Amino acid sequence: MQHDQTHAAAGPRLLIGDERFIDRSVHRQRRVMARGHDAVFESAAPDAQRVEEMSECRHAPIVIETGASPRRGFSTTICIPIGTMNLATLRTWLPDRWLNSFSLAPTDLLRDATYRRLWTSILISSFGGQVTLLALPLTAAVLMHAAPTQMGLLTATEIVPFVLFSLPTGVWLDRVRKLPVYVVGELSIAFVVATVPVAWWFGWLSMHWLYFVGFLIGAVNTTAGSAAQIVLTQIVPRERLVEAHAKNALATSAAEVTGPGAAGALIKLTGAPLALLADAFLLLISASILRGVPVKENPIVNRTAFLAAMREGFDFVRGHRLLVTMATCVGAWQLCNQAAMVVQILFATRQLGLSERGVGLSYVTLGVGTVLASANGHRVVRRFGPGPTLVLGFAISGTGWLLLSLAPLNMLGIVAYALMLLMFGVGAVFIFINFLSLRQAVTPAPMLGRMTSTMRWRGLAGRALGFARCARFRRRQRPHSRHGGLAAPRDPQRHHITDS
């Protein structure tokens, strides 16, 4: 490759050489355009010596002119063979507005290398979580022939550690570094999940083993889940927490939309127990990405008594008006959500006459709603503020439930059912990205562990009451049930251990 130094002072610099090398090295630069070799050469270097050099060139040379817009120049004279175009060359064909639509803003959080590692870890582990979400209960139902009561116990084993360890975990987290807890949590779930196919292979698998696995997963979610939320505050400035939680929700939503299909295909191909190895492998990748992330840790040095510190965290939440208000509202919303799960499934199958396939297709709109809200949530918050957007989330999901309750029993009712799921996905994301961001923004760093654990523990009350109402309704409706095996809708924020 040669430089045209003769005319460099008079105008743009010219690079003349083999088009392959220019295409690889120069097109990555900004403000570069490609021109045809002959036309540019003759206008820029009319002297006889340069023309002779040009005629003796055996390559398929081109001239790169730096100093003008690449897109504007490229649109006027294009002499690069199509076979030698790479991605950078193709970008010069596209209008600026198209490229801007698919490019990150200069201040986008994903341009930060540290946050990008965290986001990638969440995305990968969320895909793995979709495998476990299907494979673990299928292992119990198909291989262990679990009864409905045993399936209920399997679910309960993941909730029991939350009740037992949530409040003590907050005190402990305020005294230790959070990132190692997060990484060890990912590794622990990978190890625990991998024991299921190993036990199945050696013939040791039983429901008691699955109960133990569920209990350990719940224990890790209780500790590492709170640690993950605090790690986010150590990476992202507090004024950008809404954007960070929205992008995290986008990662989990993308896994929710695409993960179940891939997980189902994997389970069909390998069987439920062996499919769990995929989750273990993805979690190992996630932990390796998180390992060594630069965060600034400030654990408490002057430690008070354990019970006194736990009471201090509980009193902090109880004495903070905003935290109490948000906990009450979100707890009431979760109660309604859990109670509505069984009702909307029965309404869809019995009143609207939807089959299992029809219900499954309707749930695609839930994923669409969560993706749309996650991708645009921080923009809505920037326009209206976190408080109004939180209230908007309650209004959207509540309107969806009201719409379904008023829907006619015909095709419009089916459309209303799908629309309700879409609105629920949007509302849930709006609620949780602001709920998590606001409670972290108003809490001092030394209190984050206890606040997070206390808020999660209080939120469990709403879920428990909702489950109780569902159980009573199921007992009343059981003699008439024909579709008891259908899955209830899942909270879009519960695929990763960073849930609320």
Protein backbone atom coordinates (compact mmCIF):
# COMPACT_ATOMS: atom_id res chain seq x y z
CA MET A 1 0.00 0.00 0.00
CA GLN A 2 1.39 3.36 -0.98
CA HIS A 3 0.59 6.90 0.10
CA ASP A 4 0.16 9.63 -2.47
CA GLN A 5 2.36 12.17 -0.70
CA THR A 6 2.58 14.44 -3.75
CA HIS A 7 -0.93 15.77 -3.43
CA ALA A 8 -1.42 15.25 0.32
CA ALA A 9 -0.96 18.93 1.07
CA ALA A 10 -3.35 20.01 -1.65
CA GLY A 11 -6.28 17.88 -0.54
CA PRO A 12 -7.37 14.53 0.90
CA ARG A 13 -4.76 11.81 1.26
CA LEU A 14 -4.94 8.93 -1.20
CA LEU A 15 -4.15 5.31 -0.42
CA ILE A 16 -3.35 3.16 -3.44
CA GLY A 17 -2.89 -0.58 -3.18
CA ASP A 18 -4.43 -4.00 -3.23
CA GLU A 19 -8.15 -3.69 -2.56
CA ARG A 20 -8.20 -6.63 -0.16
CA PHE A 21 -5.78 -5.00 2.28
CA ILE A 22 -7.47 -1.63 1.97
CA ASP A 23 -10.87 -3.20 2.47
CA ARG A 24 -9.74 -4.82 5.70
CA SER A 25 -7.74 -2.03 7.27
CA VAL A 26 -9.10 1.28 6.01
CA HIS A 27 -12.83 0.70 5.90
CA ARG A 28 -12.94 0.42 9.68
CA GLN A 29 -11.88 4.04 9.95
CA ARG A 30 -14.30 6.92 10.06
CA ARG A 31 -14.70 9.42 7.21
CA VAL A 32 -13.32 7.07 4.59
CA MET A 33 -14.69 6.51 1.13
CA ALA A 34 -13.78 4.28 -1.76
CA ARG A 35 -13.36 5.62 -5.28
CA GLY A 36 -12.61 4.02 -8.58
CA HIS A 37 -8.87 3.65 -9.21
CA ASP A 38 -8.59 5.15 -12.69
CA ALA A 39 -10.84 8.17 -12.33
CA VAL A 40 -9.42 9.27 -9.00
CA PHE A 41 -5.86 8.60 -10.01
CA GLU A 42 -6.10 10.60 -13.22
CA SER A 43 -7.62 13.60 -11.46
CA ALA A 44 -5.29 13.52 -8.47
CA ALA A 45 -2.00 12.53 -10.13
CA PRO A 46 -1.97 13.55 -13.77
CA ASP A 47 1.80 13.45 -14.11
CA ALA A 48 3.18 10.90 -16.54
CA GLN A 49 5.23 9.03 -13.97
CA ARG A 50 2.20 8.25 -11.79
CA VAL A 51 0.12 7.23 -14.77
CA GLU A 52 2.86 4.81 -15.81
CA GLU A 53 2.98 3.33 -12.30
CA MET A 54 -0.74 2.92 -12.40
CA SER A 55 -0.74 1.11 -15.71
CA GLU A 56 1.90 -1.35 -14.48
CA CYS A 57 -0.01 -2.24 -11.31
CA ARG A 58 -0.89 -5.96 -11.37
CA HIS A 59 -3.31 -5.87 -8.43
CA ALA A 60 -6.97 -4.95 -8.58
CA PRO A 61 -6.19 -1.62 -6.92
CA ILE A 62 -8.53 1.02 -5.59
CA VAL A 63 -8.01 4.45 -4.13
CA ILE A 64 -9.29 5.38 -0.69
CA GLU A 65 -9.87 9.08 -0.13
CA THR A 66 -10.02 10.26 3.49
CA GLY A 67 -11.65 13.53 4.38
CA ALA A 68 -15.23 13.24 3.09
CA SER A 69 -18.33 11.43 4.22
CA PRO A 70 -18.03 7.72 3.35
CA ARG A 71 -21.69 7.35 2.49
CA ARG A 72 -21.88 10.46 0.35
CA GLY A 73 -18.73 9.60 -1.60
CA PHE A 74 -19.55 5.96 -1.97
CA SER A 75 -22.90 6.75 -3.53
CA THR A 76 -21.31 8.70 -6.38
CA THR A 77 -18.51 6.43 -7.58
CA ILE A 78 -18.39 2.75 -6.74
CA CYS A 79 -15.75 0.60 -8.36
CA ILE A 80 -15.18 -2.09 -5.69
CA PRO A 81 -16.09 -5.58 -6.92
CA ILE A 82 -19.05 -7.05 -5.05
CA GLY A 83 -17.07 -10.14 -4.10
CA THR A 84 -14.62 -8.15 -2.02
CA MET A 85 -17.21 -6.29 0.08
CA ASN A 86 -17.21 -6.92 3.81
CA LEU A 87 -19.58 -5.69 6.52
CA ALA A 88 -17.88 -2.32 6.77
CA THR A 89 -18.24 -1.83 3.02
CA LEU A 90 -21.90 -2.78 3.10
CA ARG A 91 -22.55 -0.23 5.85
CA THR A 92 -21.65 2.53 3.40
CA TRP A 93 -24.67 1.65 1.26
CA LEU A 94 -27.19 2.18 4.06
CA PRO A 95 -28.75 5.56 4.93
CA ASP A 96 -27.65 7.20 8.16
CA ARG A 97 -31.09 6.94 9.73
CA TRP A 98 -31.09 3.16 9.24
CA LEU A 99 -27.68 2.78 10.82
CA ASN A 100 -28.61 5.03 13.74
CA SER A 101 -31.67 2.87 14.46
CA PHE A 102 -29.47 -0.18 15.04
CA SER A 103 -26.48 1.47 16.69
CA LEU A 104 -25.92 2.27 20.34
CA ALA A 105 -26.11 5.85 21.47
CA PRO A 106 -22.77 7.37 22.53
CA THR A 107 -23.90 7.37 26.17
CA ASP A 108 -25.60 3.96 26.12
CA LEU A 109 -24.82 1.81 29.15
CA LEU A 110 -23.84 -1.12 26.95
CA ARG A 111 -20.85 0.90 25.76
CA ASP A 112 -19.47 0.55 29.29
CA ALA A 113 -17.32 -2.59 29.27
CA THR A 114 -18.01 -3.46 32.92
CA TYR A 115 -21.78 -3.22 32.62
CA ARG A 116 -21.65 -5.06 29.30
CA ARG A 117 -20.05 -8.02 31.06
CA LEU A 118 -22.76 -8.02 33.70
CA TRP A 119 -25.52 -7.77 31.07
CA THR A 120 -24.02 -10.59 29.01
CA SER A 121 -23.86 -12.77 32.11
CA ILE A 122 -27.53 -12.10 32.85
CA LEU A 123 -28.51 -12.92 29.28
CA ILE A 124 -26.61 -16.21 29.23
CA SER A 125 -27.79 -17.41 32.64
CA SER A 126 -31.38 -16.44 31.77
CA PHE A 127 -31.30 -18.75 28.77
CA GLY A 128 -30.00 -21.50 31.03
CA GLY A 129 -32.75 -20.76 33.53
CA GLN A 130 -35.36 -21.44 30.84
CA VAL A 131 -33.99 -24.97 30.49
CA THR A 132 -34.23 -25.65 34.23
CA LEU A 133 -37.67 -24.05 34.37
CA LEU A 134 -38.96 -26.79 32.05
CA ALA A 135 -36.57 -29.68 32.65
CA LEU A 136 -36.75 -29.92 36.45
CA PRO A 137 -40.56 -30.29 36.75
CA LEU A 138 -40.62 -32.53 33.67
CA THR A 139 -38.05 -34.78 35.30
CA ALA A 140 -40.27 -35.06 38.36
CA ALA A 141 -43.48 -35.60 36.36
CA VAL A 142 -42.23 -37.95 33.64
CA LEU A 143 -39.38 -39.91 35.22
CA MET A 144 -40.45 -39.86 38.86
CA HIS A 145 -44.22 -40.01 38.08
CA ALA A 146 -44.76 -37.33 40.72
CA ALA A 147 -48.28 -36.78 42.07
CA PRO A 148 -49.78 -33.27 42.16
CA THR A 149 -48.96 -33.03 45.88
CA GLN A 150 -45.32 -33.87 45.20
CA MET A 151 -45.16 -31.27 42.44
CA GLY A 152 -46.50 -28.72 44.91
CA LEU A 153 -43.84 -29.72 47.44
CA LEU A 154 -41.15 -29.32 44.78
CA THR A 155 -42.29 -25.75 44.22
CA ALA A 156 -42.49 -25.11 47.96
CA THR A 157 -38.89 -26.24 48.53
CA GLU A 158 -37.70 -23.24 46.51
CA ILE A 159 -39.78 -20.83 48.63
CA VAL A 160 -38.90 -22.17 52.09
CA PRO A 161 -35.27 -20.87 52.02
CA PHE A 162 -36.64 -17.45 51.16
CA VAL A 163 -38.69 -17.41 54.35
CA LEU A 164 -35.92 -18.82 56.53
CA PHE A 165 -32.80 -17.03 55.26
CA SER A 166 -33.88 -13.78 53.64
CA LEU A 167 -33.56 -11.46 56.65
CA PRO A 168 -30.31 -12.96 58.03
CA THR A 169 -28.84 -12.88 54.52
CA GLY A 170 -29.22 -9.10 54.38
CA VAL A 171 -27.09 -8.61 57.49
CA TRP A 172 -24.43 -10.96 56.17
CA LEU A 173 -24.32 -9.30 52.74
CA ASP A 174 -23.66 -5.89 54.28
CA ARG A 175 -20.53 -7.35 55.90
CA VAL A 176 -18.96 -9.15 52.92
CA ARG A 177 -18.04 -8.46 49.30
CA LYS A 178 -21.06 -9.01 47.08
CA LEU A 179 -19.48 -9.96 43.76
CA PRO A 180 -17.89 -13.19 45.08
CA VAL A 181 -21.27 -14.15 46.56
CA TYR A 182 -22.86 -13.57 43.16
CA VAL A 183 -20.23 -15.64 41.32
CA VAL A 184 -20.31 -18.47 43.85
CA GLY A 185 -24.10 -18.46 43.57
CA GLU A 186 -23.93 -19.03 39.80
CA LEU A 187 -21.37 -21.80 40.27
CA SER A 188 -23.44 -23.41 43.03
CA ILE A 189 -26.59 -23.58 40.91
CA ALA A 190 -24.53 -25.03 38.05
CA PHE A 191 -23.20 -27.77 40.35
CA VAL A 192 -26.58 -28.51 41.93
CA VAL A 193 -28.36 -28.71 38.59
CA ALA A 194 -25.65 -30.99 37.18
CA THR A 195 -26.24 -33.50 39.99
CA VAL A 196 -29.68 -34.37 38.57
CA PRO A 197 -28.45 -36.02 35.33
CA VAL A 198 -25.59 -37.66 37.24
CA ALA A 199 -28.01 -39.16 39.76
CA TRP A 200 -30.33 -40.25 36.95
CA TRP A 201 -27.44 -41.90 35.10
CA PHE A 202 -26.44 -43.96 38.16
CA GLY A 203 -30.02 -44.76 39.12
CA TRP A 204 -30.01 -42.68 42.31
CA LEU A 205 -32.57 -40.09 41.27
CA SER A 206 -35.64 -39.75 43.48
CA MET A 207 -38.15 -37.12 44.50
CA HIS A 208 -36.19 -36.53 47.71
CA TRP A 209 -33.16 -35.69 45.58
CA LEU A 210 -35.23 -33.22 43.57
CA TYR A 211 -36.56 -31.68 46.80
CA PHE A 212 -32.97 -31.18 47.93
CA VAL A 213 -32.04 -29.61 44.59
CA GLY A 214 -35.04 -27.27 44.77
CA PHE A 215 -34.12 -26.24 48.31
CA LEU A 216 -30.53 -25.43 47.36
CA ILE A 217 -31.65 -23.44 44.31
CA GLY A 218 -34.00 -21.45 46.54
CA ALA A 219 -31.22 -20.84 49.08
CA VAL A 220 -28.86 -19.57 46.38
CA ASN A 221 -31.57 -17.34 44.91
CA THR A 222 -32.11 -15.87 48.37
CA THR A 223 -28.46 -14.94 48.92
CA ALA A 224 -26.93 -14.47 45.47
CA GLY A 225 -30.09 -12.81 44.17
CA SER A 226 -29.79 -10.00 46.69
CA ALA A 227 -26.04 -9.79 46.09
CA ALA A 228 -26.63 -9.42 42.33
CA GLN A 229 -28.91 -6.44 42.85
CA ILE A 230 -26.30 -4.72 45.01
CA VAL A 231 -23.51 -5.44 42.50
CA LEU A 232 -25.52 -3.51 39.92
CA THR A 233 -25.44 -0.40 42.14
CA GLN A 234 -21.63 -0.74 42.38
CA ILE A 235 -21.28 -0.76 38.59
CA VAL A 236 -23.94 1.71 37.47
CA PRO A 237 -24.41 5.25 38.86
CA ARG A 238 -27.62 5.56 40.83
CA GLU A 239 -29.09 8.11 38.44
CA ARG A 240 -28.91 5.45 35.68
CA LEU A 241 -30.35 2.53 37.61
CA VAL A 242 -33.67 2.70 35.74
CA GLU A 243 -31.88 2.26 32.42
CA ALA A 244 -29.79 -0.58 33.85
CA HIS A 245 -32.80 -2.45 35.21
CA ALA A 246 -34.62 -1.92 31.91
CA LYS A 247 -31.71 -3.44 29.98
CA ASN A 248 -31.52 -6.32 32.46
CA ALA A 249 -35.23 -6.89 31.94
CA LEU A 250 -34.63 -6.86 28.18
CA ALA A 251 -32.08 -9.66 28.58
CA THR A 252 -34.44 -11.80 30.65
CA SER A 253 -37.36 -11.00 28.33
CA ALA A 254 -35.35 -12.06 25.29
CA ALA A 255 -34.60 -15.33 27.07
CA GLU A 256 -38.27 -15.76 27.91
CA VAL A 257 -39.37 -15.26 24.30
CA THR A 258 -36.78 -17.48 22.63
CA GLY A 259 -35.68 -19.74 25.48
CA PRO A 260 -38.72 -22.04 25.98
CA GLY A 261 -38.75 -23.14 22.34
CA ALA A 262 -35.04 -23.93 22.37
CA ALA A 263 -35.35 -25.58 25.78
CA GLY A 264 -38.28 -27.71 24.58
CA ALA A 265 -36.35 -28.84 21.52
CA LEU A 266 -33.32 -29.67 23.66
CA ILE A 267 -35.43 -31.64 26.13
CA LYS A 268 -37.06 -33.57 23.28
CA LEU A 269 -33.64 -34.34 21.81
CA THR A 270 -31.73 -35.36 24.94
CA GLY A 271 -34.35 -35.89 27.64
CA ALA A 272 -35.12 -33.67 30.61
CA PRO A 273 -32.27 -34.77 32.93
CA LEU A 274 -29.50 -34.39 30.34
CA ALA A 275 -30.91 -31.05 29.22
CA LEU A 276 -30.06 -29.70 32.66
CA LEU A 277 -26.38 -30.00 31.72
CA ALA A 278 -26.96 -27.17 29.24
CA ASP A 279 -28.04 -24.90 32.08
CA ALA A 280 -25.00 -25.93 34.12
CA PHE A 281 -22.72 -25.16 31.17
CA LEU A 282 -24.30 -21.74 30.57
CA LEU A 283 -24.03 -20.88 34.25
CA LEU A 284 -20.32 -21.73 34.17
CA ILE A 285 -19.90 -19.33 31.27
CA SER A 286 -21.87 -16.69 33.17
CA ALA A 287 -19.68 -17.09 36.25
CA SER A 288 -16.51 -16.87 34.18
CA ILE A 289 -17.72 -13.58 32.68
CA LEU A 290 -18.53 -12.16 36.12
CA ARG A 291 -15.24 -13.23 37.65
CA GLY A 292 -12.93 -10.27 37.94
CA VAL A 293 -15.49 -7.59 37.12
CA PRO A 294 -14.05 -4.36 38.59
CA VAL A 295 -16.37 -3.18 41.34
CA LYS A 296 -15.80 -0.98 44.37
CA GLU A 297 -16.75 -2.88 47.49
CA ASN A 298 -17.30 -1.14 50.85
CA PRO A 299 -18.31 -3.76 53.43
CA ILE A 300 -19.13 -2.63 56.93
CA VAL A 301 -16.07 -2.54 59.21
CA ASN A 302 -17.67 -1.57 62.55
CA ARG A 303 -20.08 -4.42 63.02
CA THR A 304 -22.93 -4.40 65.51
CA ALA A 305 -24.60 -7.48 66.98
CA PHE A 306 -26.25 -9.68 64.35
CA LEU A 307 -29.82 -9.45 65.68
CA ALA A 308 -29.45 -5.73 66.31
CA ALA A 309 -28.24 -5.21 62.73
CA MET A 310 -31.18 -7.23 61.41
CA ARG A 311 -33.60 -5.16 63.43
CA GLU A 312 -31.88 -2.00 62.20
CA GLY A 313 -32.52 -2.99 58.59
CA PHE A 314 -36.15 -3.84 59.28
CA ASP A 315 -36.66 -0.54 61.11
CA PHE A 316 -35.04 1.37 58.23
CA VAL A 317 -37.55 -0.05 55.75
CA ARG A 318 -40.47 0.43 58.13
CA GLY A 319 -39.48 4.03 58.85
CA HIS A 320 -39.02 5.05 55.22
CA ARG A 321 -42.31 6.25 53.79
CA LEU A 322 -41.43 5.62 50.16
CA LEU A 323 -40.21 2.08 50.81
CA VAL A 324 -43.31 1.22 52.84
CA THR A 325 -45.62 2.65 50.19
CA MET A 326 -43.89 0.80 47.36
CA ALA A 327 -43.77 -2.45 49.33
CA THR A 328 -47.50 -2.19 50.08
CA CYS A 329 -48.46 -1.40 46.49
CA VAL A 330 -46.23 -4.01 44.90
CA GLY A 331 -47.30 -6.59 47.49
CA ALA A 332 -50.95 -5.92 46.66
CA TRP A 333 -50.17 -6.18 42.97
CA GLN A 334 -48.40 -9.51 43.49
CA LEU A 335 -51.38 -10.78 45.49
CA CYS A 336 -53.68 -9.90 42.59
CA ASN A 337 -51.26 -11.39 40.10
CA GLN A 338 -50.98 -14.73 41.87
CA ALA A 339 -54.74 -14.91 42.40
CA ALA A 340 -55.41 -14.01 38.76
CA MET A 341 -53.17 -16.75 37.40
CA VAL A 342 -55.54 -19.63 37.96
CA VAL A 343 -58.62 -17.57 37.04
CA GLN A 344 -57.31 -16.47 33.66
CA ILE A 345 -56.18 -19.98 32.75
CA LEU A 346 -59.59 -21.43 33.60
CA PHE A 347 -61.33 -18.60 31.76
CA ALA A 348 -59.24 -19.23 28.65
CA THR A 349 -59.80 -22.98 28.59
CA ARG A 350 -63.39 -23.28 29.79
CA GLN A 351 -65.08 -20.08 28.72
CA LEU A 352 -63.12 -19.21 25.58
CA GLY A 353 -62.51 -22.84 24.62
CA LEU A 354 -58.79 -22.43 23.95
CA SER A 355 -56.68 -25.56 23.68
CA GLU A 356 -53.26 -25.97 25.26
CA ARG A 357 -51.74 -24.90 21.94
CA GLY A 358 -53.98 -21.83 21.80
CA VAL A 359 -53.02 -20.80 25.32
CA GLY A 360 -49.35 -21.28 24.48
CA LEU A 361 -49.63 -19.12 21.37
CA SER A 362 -51.41 -16.45 23.39
CA TYR A 363 -48.45 -16.31 25.74
CA VAL A 364 -46.26 -15.12 22.89
CA THR A 365 -47.86 -11.72 23.43
CA LEU A 366 -46.60 -11.77 27.03
CA GLY A 367 -43.06 -12.03 25.75
CA VAL A 368 -43.69 -9.31 23.18
CA GLY A 369 -44.99 -7.01 25.91
CA THR A 370 -41.99 -7.56 28.17
CA VAL A 371 -39.53 -7.00 25.31
CA LEU A 372 -41.25 -3.78 24.19
CA ALA A 373 -41.41 -2.41 27.73
CA SER A 374 -37.81 -3.39 28.49
CA ALA A 375 -36.49 -1.79 25.31
CA ASN A 376 -38.36 1.48 25.85
CA GLY A 377 -38.86 1.62 29.62
CA HIS A 378 -35.99 3.99 30.37
CA ARG A 379 -37.24 6.38 27.69
CA VAL A 380 -40.71 6.42 29.26
CA VAL A 381 -39.14 7.08 32.66
CA ARG A 382 -37.04 9.90 31.21
CA ARG A 383 -40.21 11.47 29.84
CA PHE A 384 -42.59 11.04 32.79
CA GLY A 385 -40.39 10.18 35.79
CA PRO A 386 -40.01 6.94 37.80
CA GLY A 387 -42.99 7.49 40.12
CA PRO A 388 -45.57 8.16 37.38
CA THR A 389 -44.18 5.27 35.31
CA LEU A 390 -44.56 2.94 38.30
CA VAL A 391 -48.20 4.01 38.66
CA LEU A 392 -48.60 3.60 34.90
CA GLY A 393 -47.45 -0.01 35.23
CA PHE A 394 -50.13 -0.70 37.83
CA ALA A 395 -52.72 0.97 35.58
CA ILE A 396 -51.72 -0.96 32.45
CA SER A 397 -51.75 -4.40 34.09
CA GLY A 398 -54.96 -3.62 35.99
CA THR A 399 -56.66 -2.43 32.81
CA GLY A 400 -55.66 -5.68 31.14
CA TRP A 401 -57.34 -7.74 33.87
CA LEU A 402 -60.42 -5.53 33.70
CA LEU A 403 -60.55 -5.89 29.92
CA LEU A 404 -60.51 -9.67 30.20
CA SER A 405 -63.25 -9.66 32.81
CA LEU A 406 -65.53 -7.70 30.46
CA ALA A 407 -64.61 -9.64 27.31
CA PRO A 408 -67.35 -11.50 25.39
CA LEU A 409 -67.12 -15.27 24.94
CA ASN A 410 -66.19 -15.21 21.25
CA MET A 411 -63.26 -14.28 19.05
CA LEU A 412 -63.12 -10.83 20.64
CA GLY A 413 -62.64 -12.56 23.97
CA ILE A 414 -59.63 -14.45 22.60
CA VAL A 415 -58.17 -11.18 21.32
CA ALA A 416 -58.83 -9.63 24.74
CA TYR A 417 -57.02 -12.55 26.42
CA ALA A 418 -53.93 -12.05 24.27
CA LEU A 419 -54.11 -8.29 24.80
CA MET A 420 -54.36 -8.79 28.56
CA LEU A 421 -51.14 -10.82 28.52
CA LEU A 422 -49.45 -8.13 26.44
CA MET A 423 -50.55 -5.42 28.88
CA PHE A 424 -49.49 -7.53 31.84
CA GLY A 425 -45.99 -7.90 30.36
CA VAL A 426 -45.69 -4.16 29.77
CA GLY A 427 -47.09 -3.26 33.18
CA ALA A 428 -44.94 -5.75 35.07
CA VAL A 429 -41.73 -4.42 33.52
CA PHE A 430 -42.71 -0.80 34.18
CA ILE A 431 -43.42 -1.73 37.79
CA PHE A 432 -40.26 -3.64 38.56
CA ILE A 433 -37.65 -1.47 36.82
CA ASN A 434 -38.87 1.53 38.80
CA PHE A 435 -39.55 -0.39 42.01
CA LEU A 436 -36.00 -1.78 42.08
CA SER A 437 -34.40 1.49 40.99
CA LEU A 438 -36.22 3.72 43.47
CA ARG A 439 -35.60 1.53 46.49
CA GLN A 440 -31.89 1.30 45.65
CA ALA A 441 -31.59 5.03 44.97
CA VAL A 442 -32.94 6.04 48.40
CA THR A 443 -30.94 3.53 50.44
CA PRO A 444 -27.42 4.22 51.76
CA ALA A 445 -24.78 1.77 50.53
CA PRO A 446 -24.11 0.22 53.97
CA MET A 447 -27.82 -0.63 54.25
CA LEU A 448 -28.41 -2.07 50.76
CA GLY A 449 -28.12 -5.72 51.79
CA ARG A 450 -30.59 -5.47 54.65
CA MET A 451 -33.00 -3.28 52.68
CA THR A 452 -32.99 -5.63 49.69
CA SER A 453 -33.56 -8.74 51.77
CA THR A 454 -36.27 -7.10 53.88
CA MET A 455 -38.14 -5.84 50.82
CA ARG A 456 -37.93 -9.24 49.14
CA TRP A 457 -39.11 -10.93 52.32
CA ARG A 458 -42.08 -8.57 52.63
CA GLY A 459 -42.93 -9.11 48.98
CA LEU A 460 -43.18 -12.81 49.68
CA ALA A 461 -46.25 -12.15 51.84
CA GLY A 462 -48.24 -10.95 48.83
CA ARG A 463 -47.24 -14.00 46.83
CA ALA A 464 -48.12 -16.33 49.69
CA LEU A 465 -51.60 -14.83 50.10
CA GLY A 466 -52.11 -15.05 46.37
CA PHE A 467 -51.06 -18.70 46.34
CA ALA A 468 -53.48 -19.41 49.22
CA ARG A 469 -56.36 -17.88 47.28
CA CYS A 470 -55.36 -19.91 44.22
CA ALA A 471 -55.27 -23.11 46.27
CA ARG A 472 -58.76 -22.50 47.69
CA PHE A 473 -60.08 -21.75 44.23
CA ARG A 474 -58.48 -24.90 42.82
CA ARG A 475 -60.03 -27.06 45.54
CA ARG A 476 -63.44 -25.60 44.77
CA GLN A 477 -63.03 -26.04 41.01
CA ARG A 478 -61.20 -29.38 40.99
CA PRO A 479 -64.24 -31.61 40.26
CA HIS A 480 -64.82 -29.67 37.03
CA SER A 481 -61.21 -29.14 35.99
CA ARG A 482 -60.19 -30.41 32.60
CA HIS A 483 -56.97 -28.49 32.09
CA GLY A 484 -55.28 -28.57 35.47
CA GLY A 485 -51.90 -29.24 33.93
CA LEU A 486 -51.56 -25.91 32.17
CA ALA A 487 -48.79 -23.67 33.37
CA ALA A 488 -49.62 -20.36 34.98
CA PRO A 489 -48.04 -17.18 33.67
CA ARG A 490 -44.69 -16.37 35.12
CA ASP A 491 -43.49 -13.13 36.58
CA PRO A 492 -41.28 -11.66 33.84
CA GLN A 493 -38.70 -10.67 36.46
CA ARG A 494 -38.15 -14.14 37.91
CA HIS A 495 -35.93 -15.88 35.38
CA HIS A 496 -32.64 -14.79 36.89
CA ILE A 497 -31.38 -14.59 40.44
CA THR A 498 -31.66 -10.80 40.28
CA ASP A 499 -35.43 -10.95 40.81
CA SER A 500 -37.19 -8.59 43.18
